Protein backbone atom coordinates (compact mmCIF):
# COMPACT_ATOMS: atom_id res chain seq x y z
CA MET A 1 22.27 -15.46 -11.44
CA ASP A 2 23.70 -13.69 -8.70
CA TYR A 3 21.03 -11.04 -6.63
CA PRO A 4 23.03 -8.16 -8.34
CA GLN A 5 22.40 -9.29 -11.50
CA ALA A 6 18.56 -10.06 -10.75
CA ILE A 7 18.11 -6.80 -9.20
CA ASP A 8 19.54 -5.49 -12.49
CA TYR A 9 17.30 -7.37 -14.74
CA LEU A 10 14.14 -6.79 -12.84
CA TYR A 11 14.87 -2.90 -11.88
CA GLY A 12 16.03 -2.83 -16.18
CA LEU A 13 12.12 -4.21 -16.85
CA ARG A 14 11.06 -0.27 -15.55
CA GLN A 15 12.05 1.18 -19.15
CA PHE A 16 8.37 -0.56 -20.27
CA GLY A 17 6.61 1.37 -17.78
CA ILE A 18 3.66 1.06 -16.92
CA ARG A 19 1.79 -1.93 -19.31
CA LEU A 20 -2.24 -2.29 -17.71
CA GLY A 21 -3.22 -5.58 -18.62
CA LEU A 22 -3.58 -9.17 -17.99
CA GLU A 23 -2.97 -10.75 -21.34
CA ALA A 24 1.15 -10.87 -20.87
CA ILE A 25 0.57 -11.97 -16.52
CA THR A 26 -1.64 -15.03 -17.74
CA THR A 27 1.29 -16.00 -19.91
CA LEU A 28 3.67 -16.05 -18.09
CA LEU A 29 1.97 -17.99 -14.92
CA SER A 30 0.60 -20.23 -17.18
CA SER A 31 3.92 -21.60 -18.32
CA LEU A 32 5.12 -21.32 -14.61
CA GLY A 33 1.97 -23.90 -13.95
CA ASN A 34 -0.50 -20.96 -12.73
CA PRO A 35 0.85 -21.55 -9.43
CA HIS A 36 -1.38 -18.70 -7.92
CA GLN A 37 -3.87 -21.05 -8.06
CA GLY A 38 -2.32 -23.46 -5.82
CA TYR A 39 -3.49 -21.55 -2.48
CA PRO A 40 -6.78 -19.10 -1.79
CA SER A 41 -5.88 -15.32 -1.72
CA ILE A 42 -7.31 -12.57 -0.54
CA LEU A 43 -6.94 -9.30 -3.01
CA ILE A 44 -7.29 -5.91 -1.36
CA ALA A 45 -7.58 -2.28 -3.57
CA GLY A 46 -7.89 0.94 -2.65
CA THR A 47 -6.82 4.51 -3.28
CA ASN A 48 -5.16 4.24 0.27
CA GLY A 49 -4.74 2.19 2.88
CA LYS A 50 -4.56 -0.96 0.88
CA GLY A 51 -1.28 -1.74 2.06
CA SER A 52 -1.98 -1.12 5.68
CA THR A 53 -5.18 -3.10 5.28
CA ALA A 54 -3.31 -5.90 3.73
CA ALA A 55 -0.82 -6.18 6.92
CA MET A 56 -3.15 -6.24 9.32
CA LEU A 57 -4.97 -9.02 8.09
CA SER A 58 -1.88 -10.87 7.21
CA SER A 59 -0.74 -10.39 10.99
CA ILE A 60 -4.54 -11.94 12.05
CA LEU A 61 -3.83 -14.80 10.31
CA CYS A 62 -0.30 -15.33 11.02
CA GLU A 63 -1.40 -15.12 14.44
CA ALA A 64 -4.01 -18.22 14.07
CA GLY A 65 -1.20 -20.01 12.68
CA TYR A 66 -1.62 -19.88 9.30
CA ARG A 67 1.65 -19.57 7.23
CA VAL A 68 0.64 -16.29 5.17
CA GLY A 69 2.28 -14.78 2.28
CA LEU A 70 1.60 -11.34 1.44
CA TYR A 71 2.67 -9.18 -1.11
CA THR A 72 2.51 -5.63 -1.35
CA SER A 73 4.08 -2.65 -2.64
CA PRO A 74 5.99 0.08 -3.02
CA HIS A 75 8.99 -0.59 -1.28
CA LEU A 76 10.92 1.68 0.72
CA VAL A 77 14.71 0.88 0.24
CA ASN A 78 14.86 -3.42 -0.54
CA LEU A 79 12.75 -5.18 -3.29
CA GLU A 80 12.17 -7.95 -0.67
CA GLU A 81 10.07 -5.70 1.57
CA ARG A 82 7.73 -6.54 -1.13
CA ILE A 83 7.08 -9.99 -0.73
CA VAL A 84 6.59 -12.02 2.73
CA ILE A 85 6.14 -14.82 4.60
CA ASP A 86 4.80 -15.34 8.38
CA ARG A 87 6.39 -11.20 8.43
CA LYS A 88 9.86 -13.02 7.22
CA GLN A 89 11.03 -11.21 4.16
CA ILE A 90 12.10 -13.21 0.82
CA SER A 91 15.87 -13.79 0.92
CA PRO A 92 18.27 -12.17 -1.80
CA ALA A 93 19.33 -15.59 -2.61
CA GLU A 94 15.70 -16.73 -3.38
CA VAL A 95 15.12 -13.91 -5.57
CA ALA A 96 17.92 -14.51 -7.71
CA GLU A 97 16.75 -18.15 -8.13
CA LEU A 98 13.74 -17.05 -8.78
CA THR A 99 14.29 -14.10 -11.11
CA GLY A 100 16.87 -16.34 -13.21
CA HIS A 101 14.13 -19.02 -14.15
CA LEU A 102 11.71 -15.96 -14.95
CA LYS A 103 13.96 -14.61 -17.00
CA GLU A 104 14.71 -18.14 -18.84
CA VAL A 105 10.71 -18.24 -19.66
CA THR A 106 10.41 -15.35 -20.63
CA SER A 107 12.97 -14.82 -22.98
CA ASP A 108 11.27 -18.97 -24.17
CA LEU A 109 7.89 -16.93 -24.70
CA MET A 110 9.01 -14.29 -26.11
CA ALA A 111 11.13 -16.59 -29.08
CA LYS A 112 8.22 -18.63 -29.42
CA GLY A 113 6.25 -15.48 -29.87
CA LYS A 114 3.49 -16.83 -27.37
CA LEU A 115 4.26 -13.10 -25.87
CA SER A 116 3.98 -9.95 -27.70
CA HIS A 117 6.21 -7.91 -25.76
CA CYS A 118 8.60 -8.07 -22.42
CA PRO A 119 6.57 -8.02 -19.56
CA THR A 120 6.48 -5.14 -16.70
CA PHE A 121 8.70 -5.12 -13.78
CA PHE A 122 5.05 -5.60 -12.13
CA GLU A 123 4.28 -8.35 -14.03
CA VAL A 124 7.41 -10.43 -13.57
CA LEU A 125 8.05 -9.45 -9.84
CA THR A 126 4.02 -9.87 -9.42
CA ALA A 127 5.19 -13.72 -10.91
CA LEU A 128 7.82 -14.32 -8.51
CA ALA A 129 5.96 -13.68 -5.74
CA PHE A 130 3.18 -16.26 -6.82
CA THR A 131 5.68 -18.94 -7.99
CA TYR A 132 7.35 -17.98 -4.39
CA PHE A 133 4.25 -18.44 -2.38
CA SER A 134 3.70 -21.81 -3.91
CA GLN A 135 6.96 -23.16 -3.39
CA GLN A 136 6.97 -22.53 0.25
CA LYS A 137 3.43 -24.06 0.26
CA VAL A 138 1.64 -21.21 2.10
CA ASP A 139 -2.17 -21.75 3.32
CA ILE A 140 -3.36 -18.30 1.82
CA ALA A 141 -1.94 -14.95 0.33
CA VAL A 142 -2.95 -11.90 0.66
CA LEU A 143 -2.18 -9.47 -1.98
CA GLU A 144 -2.17 -5.86 -2.55
CA VAL A 145 -3.64 -4.75 -6.25
CA GLY A 146 -0.95 -2.59 -7.45
CA LEU A 147 -2.54 0.09 -9.62
CA GLY A 148 -6.48 0.41 -10.22
CA GLY A 149 -7.71 -3.37 -10.10
CA ARG A 150 -9.39 -4.35 -14.02
CA TYR A 151 -6.15 -4.74 -15.37
CA ASP A 152 -4.06 -5.09 -12.51
CA ALA A 153 -1.03 -8.12 -12.85
CA THR A 154 -2.72 -9.37 -9.56
CA ASN A 155 -6.32 -9.88 -10.27
CA VAL A 156 -5.61 -13.07 -12.22
CA VAL A 157 -6.84 -14.96 -8.70
CA LYS A 158 -10.58 -16.04 -7.87
CA PRO A 159 -10.14 -14.70 -4.33
CA LEU A 160 -12.35 -15.74 -1.67
CA VAL A 161 -13.01 -11.92 -0.49
CA SER A 162 -12.63 -8.72 -2.43
CA VAL A 163 -11.44 -5.64 -0.75
CA ILE A 164 -11.49 -2.40 -1.82
CA THR A 165 -10.50 0.39 1.43
CA SER A 166 -11.34 3.72 -0.62
CA VAL A 167 -11.45 5.49 -4.52
CA SER A 168 -10.11 8.60 -4.69
CA LYS A 169 -8.23 10.67 -7.54
CA ASP A 170 -5.18 9.21 -8.24
CA HIS A 171 -2.98 7.79 -10.98
CA LYS A 172 -5.67 9.81 -13.04
CA GLU A 173 -3.44 9.08 -16.30
CA HIS A 174 -3.82 5.68 -16.08
CA LEU A 175 -7.29 5.56 -14.15
CA GLY A 176 -9.43 8.15 -15.57
CA SER A 177 -9.96 11.72 -14.18
CA THR A 178 -13.03 11.03 -12.43
CA VAL A 179 -13.96 9.19 -9.24
CA GLU A 180 -16.86 7.16 -11.41
CA GLN A 181 -13.78 6.19 -13.44
CA ILE A 182 -11.31 5.32 -10.83
CA ALA A 183 -14.46 3.01 -9.14
CA TRP A 184 -15.16 1.75 -11.77
CA GLU A 185 -11.31 0.38 -12.72
CA LYS A 186 -10.93 -1.05 -8.60
CA ALA A 187 -14.33 -2.35 -8.83
CA GLY A 188 -12.98 -5.23 -11.88
CA ILE A 189 -11.20 -7.46 -8.32
CA ILE A 190 -15.17 -8.29 -7.78
CA LYS A 191 -15.84 -11.92 -8.78
CA ARG A 192 -18.47 -13.31 -9.98
CA LYS A 193 -20.52 -14.95 -7.34
CA GLY A 194 -17.92 -13.19 -5.02
CA ARG A 195 -17.64 -11.82 -1.83
CA VAL A 196 -16.77 -8.10 -1.40
CA VAL A 197 -15.90 -5.67 1.55
CA ALA A 198 -15.57 -2.02 0.88
CA ALA A 199 -15.20 0.59 3.54
CA CYS A 200 -15.61 3.77 0.98
CA ARG A 201 -16.64 7.13 1.92
CA SER A 202 -17.40 8.51 -1.45
CA PRO A 203 -21.24 7.52 -2.29
CA ILE A 204 -20.29 7.99 -5.80
CA ALA A 205 -17.97 5.17 -5.82
CA MET A 206 -20.18 2.95 -3.49
CA GLY A 207 -22.39 2.99 -5.91
CA VAL A 208 -20.08 1.80 -8.57
CA LEU A 209 -19.42 -1.14 -6.82
CA GLU A 210 -22.74 -1.80 -6.11
CA ARG A 211 -23.93 -1.75 -9.60
CA GLU A 212 -21.30 -3.79 -10.19
CA CYS A 213 -22.05 -6.30 -7.66
CA GLN A 214 -25.26 -6.45 -9.07
CA HIS A 215 -24.36 -7.45 -12.14
CA GLN A 216 -21.49 -10.41 -11.22
CA SER A 217 -24.54 -11.61 -8.50
CA ALA A 218 -21.95 -11.01 -5.79
CA GLN A 219 -22.12 -9.77 -2.02
CA LEU A 220 -21.63 -6.67 -0.91
CA TRP A 221 -20.86 -5.71 2.71
CA GLN A 222 -19.50 -1.80 3.47
CA THR A 223 -17.82 -1.63 6.38
CA ARG A 224 -19.57 1.92 8.17
CA LYS A 225 -22.75 -0.31 8.20
CA GLU A 226 -21.82 -3.60 9.92
CA VAL A 227 -18.81 -2.46 11.98
CA SER A 228 -19.03 0.09 14.86
CA PHE A 229 -16.41 1.57 17.13
CA ARG A 230 -15.47 4.01 19.82
CA ILE A 231 -12.85 5.13 20.94
CA ARG A 232 -11.12 4.77 24.26
CA GLU A 233 -7.66 6.36 24.24
CA ARG A 234 -6.55 8.90 21.28
CA GLY A 235 -2.85 8.02 21.21
CA ILE A 236 -0.46 8.18 18.32
CA PHE A 237 -1.83 4.02 17.83
CA PRO A 238 -5.57 4.20 19.27
CA ILE A 239 -7.21 1.59 21.84
CA PHE A 240 -11.35 0.96 21.15
CA ASP A 241 -13.52 -0.79 21.23
CA LEU A 242 -14.82 -2.69 17.87
CA GLU A 243 -17.91 -4.02 17.60
CA THR A 244 -19.31 -6.22 14.62
CA GLU A 245 -22.89 -8.01 14.41
CA LYS A 246 -20.89 -10.93 15.33
CA ASP A 247 -18.90 -10.49 18.13
CA PHE A 248 -17.67 -8.15 20.28
CA TYR A 249 -13.88 -6.89 20.40
CA GLY A 250 -13.49 -4.71 22.90
CA SER A 251 -9.90 -2.73 23.77
CA VAL A 252 -8.60 -3.38 20.64
CA ARG A 253 -4.78 -1.55 20.38
CA LEU A 254 -3.50 -0.90 16.84
CA GLY A 255 0.03 -1.55 16.34
CA LEU A 256 -0.06 1.20 12.96
CA ALA A 257 -0.40 5.34 13.91
CA GLY A 258 -3.24 7.39 13.42
CA GLU A 259 -6.53 7.16 14.19
CA HIS A 260 -7.66 6.48 10.46
CA GLN A 261 -6.38 3.42 10.95
CA ILE A 262 -9.28 2.05 12.73
CA LEU A 263 -11.52 1.59 9.62
CA ASN A 264 -9.32 0.12 8.29
CA ALA A 265 -8.56 -2.58 11.18
CA SER A 266 -12.80 -2.91 11.16
CA THR A 267 -12.38 -3.74 7.08
CA VAL A 268 -9.60 -6.36 8.12
CA VAL A 269 -12.11 -7.66 10.90
CA LEU A 270 -14.72 -7.67 8.73
CA VAL A 271 -12.90 -9.85 6.39
CA ALA A 272 -11.94 -12.20 9.14
CA GLU A 273 -15.24 -13.02 9.81
CA HIS A 274 -15.99 -13.76 6.21
CA ILE A 275 -12.75 -15.67 6.09
CA ARG A 276 -13.96 -17.71 9.55
CA GLU A 277 -16.88 -19.14 7.54
CA MET A 278 -14.62 -20.58 4.51
CA ASP A 279 -13.02 -23.22 7.29
CA PHE A 280 -10.60 -21.02 8.46
CA THR A 281 -10.01 -20.65 12.44
CA VAL A 282 -9.87 -16.88 12.97
CA PRO A 283 -10.09 -16.92 16.96
CA HIS A 284 -11.17 -13.17 18.82
CA ARG A 285 -7.52 -13.85 20.02
CA SER A 286 -5.79 -13.99 16.96
CA VAL A 287 -7.46 -11.04 15.70
CA LYS A 288 -6.65 -8.83 18.71
CA GLU A 289 -3.08 -9.85 18.50
CA GLY A 290 -3.03 -9.57 15.14
CA LEU A 291 -4.44 -5.78 15.06
CA ALA A 292 -1.54 -4.65 17.96
CA ARG A 293 1.37 -6.78 16.10
CA VAL A 294 1.06 -5.73 12.92
CA ARG A 295 3.97 -3.21 11.53
CA PHE A 296 4.22 -1.85 8.09
CA PRO A 297 6.50 0.67 7.71
CA GLY A 298 6.53 4.48 6.13
CA ARG A 299 2.98 4.75 7.36
CA LEU A 300 2.68 7.48 9.77
CA GLU A 301 6.12 5.56 10.77
CA ILE A 302 7.99 7.31 13.75
CA ILE A 303 11.46 6.60 13.62
CA SER A 304 13.07 8.86 16.26
CA GLN A 305 12.06 10.00 19.25
CA SER A 306 13.90 12.84 20.05
CA PRO A 307 13.48 14.88 18.68
CA PRO A 308 10.50 13.12 16.78
CA LEU A 309 11.09 12.03 13.06
CA ILE A 310 8.06 10.81 11.13
CA LEU A 311 7.82 9.27 8.01
CA ASP A 312 4.51 9.32 6.15
CA GLY A 313 4.23 8.49 2.32
CA ALA A 314 1.30 10.55 1.53
CA HIS A 315 1.33 11.55 -1.96
CA ASN A 316 -2.84 12.04 -2.73
CA PRO A 317 -5.25 15.28 -0.95
CA GLU A 318 -6.89 11.92 1.55
CA ALA A 319 -3.80 10.60 2.56
CA MET A 320 -2.56 14.07 3.36
CA GLY A 321 -5.85 15.13 5.10
CA TRP A 322 -5.11 12.48 7.19
CA LEU A 323 -1.17 13.09 8.30
CA ARG A 324 -2.29 16.98 8.83
CA ARG A 325 -4.90 15.83 11.72
CA PHE A 326 -2.37 13.29 13.15
CA LEU A 327 0.52 15.79 13.31
CA ARG A 328 -2.03 18.34 14.31
CA GLN A 329 -3.92 16.82 17.10
CA PHE A 330 -0.11 14.92 18.81
CA PHE A 331 2.52 17.79 17.26
CA PRO A 332 0.47 21.36 17.74
CA GLU A 333 3.79 23.21 18.45
CA GLY A 334 5.06 23.04 14.65
CA LEU A 335 7.88 21.52 13.00
CA ALA A 336 9.53 21.29 10.48
CA LEU A 337 8.29 19.42 7.09
CA ILE A 338 10.48 17.59 4.40
CA PHE A 339 8.43 17.36 1.33
CA ALA A 340 9.07 15.97 -2.07
CA ILE A 341 6.38 14.91 -4.86
CA MET A 342 6.23 13.33 -8.10
CA ARG A 343 5.47 15.38 -10.95
CA ASN A 344 2.27 13.48 -11.96
CA LYS A 345 0.62 14.41 -8.16
CA GLU A 346 -2.18 16.61 -7.38
CA ILE A 347 1.40 19.04 -6.12
CA GLU A 348 -1.00 22.11 -5.36
CA LYS A 349 -4.17 20.64 -3.38
CA VAL A 350 -1.67 18.29 -1.76
CA MET A 351 0.63 21.51 -0.53
CA ARG A 352 -2.25 23.75 0.41
CA ILE A 353 -3.21 20.89 3.09
CA ILE A 354 0.34 20.37 4.32
CA LEU A 355 2.43 23.00 3.70
CA PRO A 356 0.94 25.73 6.29
CA LEU A 357 1.22 23.29 9.26
CA ALA A 358 5.47 23.32 9.19
CA ARG A 359 6.97 26.28 10.77
CA ARG A 360 9.59 25.62 8.28
CA VAL A 361 10.02 23.45 4.84
CA ILE A 362 12.59 21.80 2.68
CA LEU A 363 12.41 20.94 -0.22
CA PRO A 364 14.84 18.26 -1.69
CA ARG A 365 16.00 16.87 -4.67
CA LEU A 366 14.73 13.40 -5.26
CA LYS A 367 17.43 10.62 -6.74
CA VAL A 368 14.13 9.42 -9.10
CA ASP A 369 13.99 10.93 -12.35
CA ARG A 370 9.81 11.52 -11.79
CA GLY A 371 10.44 13.77 -8.75
CA ALA A 372 9.28 16.99 -8.85
CA GLU A 373 11.94 19.80 -9.29
CA PRO A 374 12.65 21.53 -5.85
CA VAL A 375 12.60 25.15 -7.72
CA ASP A 376 8.85 24.21 -9.51
CA LEU A 377 7.95 23.15 -5.81
CA LEU A 378 9.77 26.37 -3.86
CA ARG A 379 7.60 28.31 -6.84
CA LEU A 380 4.39 26.61 -5.87
CA GLY A 381 4.34 26.58 -2.21
CA ARG A 382 5.04 30.19 -1.52
CA ARG A 383 1.44 30.50 -2.22
CA TYR A 384 1.03 28.47 1.34
CA GLN A 385 4.21 28.83 3.36
CA TYR A 386 6.89 31.13 3.32
CA HIS A 387 9.84 29.49 5.00
CA LEU A 388 10.89 27.26 1.97
CA THR A 389 14.37 26.24 1.40
CA THR A 390 15.66 23.58 -1.28
CA ALA A 391 18.03 20.80 -1.31
CA ASP A 392 19.94 19.16 -3.86
CA SER A 393 19.78 15.96 -1.86
CA VAL A 394 17.77 14.25 1.18
CA ALA A 395 20.62 14.20 2.77
CA GLU A 396 21.61 17.21 2.84
CA ALA A 397 17.93 18.10 3.75
CA MET A 398 18.59 15.83 6.47
CA GLU A 399 21.11 17.32 7.70
CA MET A 400 19.88 20.62 7.59
CA VAL A 401 17.08 19.61 10.30
CA SER A 402 19.51 17.72 12.36
CA SER A 403 21.76 21.11 12.54
CA ARG A 404 18.67 23.27 14.10
CA THR A 405 19.21 23.81 17.32
CA GLU A 406 15.32 23.40 18.11
CA ARG A 407 13.92 19.95 18.91
CA GLU A 408 11.59 20.54 16.79
CA ALA A 409 9.48 17.40 15.60
CA VAL A 410 10.48 16.97 11.50
CA CYS A 411 7.92 15.14 9.22
CA ALA A 412 9.01 13.60 5.86
CA THR A 413 6.03 13.13 3.44
CA GLY A 414 4.87 13.56 -0.10
CA SER A 415 6.46 10.24 -1.51
CA PHE A 416 7.36 6.59 -0.33
CA TYR A 417 10.52 7.02 -2.66
CA LEU A 418 11.24 9.91 0.10
CA VAL A 419 10.53 7.54 2.66
CA GLY A 420 12.83 5.44 1.44
CA GLU A 421 15.62 7.44 0.92
CA ILE A 422 15.79 8.89 4.64
CA LYS A 423 15.14 5.10 5.85
CA GLU A 424 18.24 4.33 3.70
CA LEU A 425 20.60 7.02 5.41
């Protein structure tokens, strides 16, 4: 199987949609020799911030000299972005080889009746990542949960630490309509007598996590109680002092933009200190250098300066609120907004937060079928912004902002699919 064939096969699995449950991934991994059991893991769930948190932790462990596997989602341009070892993506050739093997294994399992249905795209990709990390003999894997937690394919591991970054309403069609229901799903990554680090702002969500930790006899550490920080410089990339009960990290410079990332960094430092108690050597220097060197595309990513072009995959009210605060702080003169979003999101709530901030808004049609129609967004958006224009494509939207004589800042947000299309351009 060559790379184009592998990509066609993997993307073809998307027709099976999202199917939460551990039966298929458990059967598939068992037939592969349970590669995920060959190395320790950290499992990170949350509505927002879990990808950034995973990237920060991976960066710290890399600086500490460990061979680190990082598994995140979604990708923006290339599938290889999801599977990384020591800041280097899996190669197309390796994707092709492993996909060919997984296709054979899956076909055999289905032919023997051991699988009742074809695994989903995410299940196969998760098995691919676990197998790759095993073959490459990683020292530790940092895994971002795809959706929810309890029945997500990543939840077959027994992590050193289970991390829950935040809980708010998103993916309600799969996880439930209330914060309490969603928190229960995410609490599914809490293991018997395990360690849990949580950064939830919601008292309701934290109450659910506390009850689940009691039920599982697990120990819970809350970032907001265990870590304190003081901002020294309120720049795009903030500099701050951070202190835990065990250490003081002065003058930390963060490689990800936005003050909201300080809470994620605080969570990561707390996790790093727990790992340190498990015979991992994570020096003070590695923590600071790892946080400074971390990169994670599509999260408040400034990809040009003149004029500024900011890409952010915010697609729910909580994430959009953080983006709004960032833009108001650093781009107060107004900006052009390119906005696209999936049909199943809380569109009006998101629009209400971000649209009034812009001088003008362009609503492009995305390539993905699940994208909301620009004309529908135009109708809804007029409640919050009069200067709205539709575009037939993301490329046309980019031409519209680049052809203006004003050197205004441009922000593209609402969907990682939008961010990915712009990065591809």
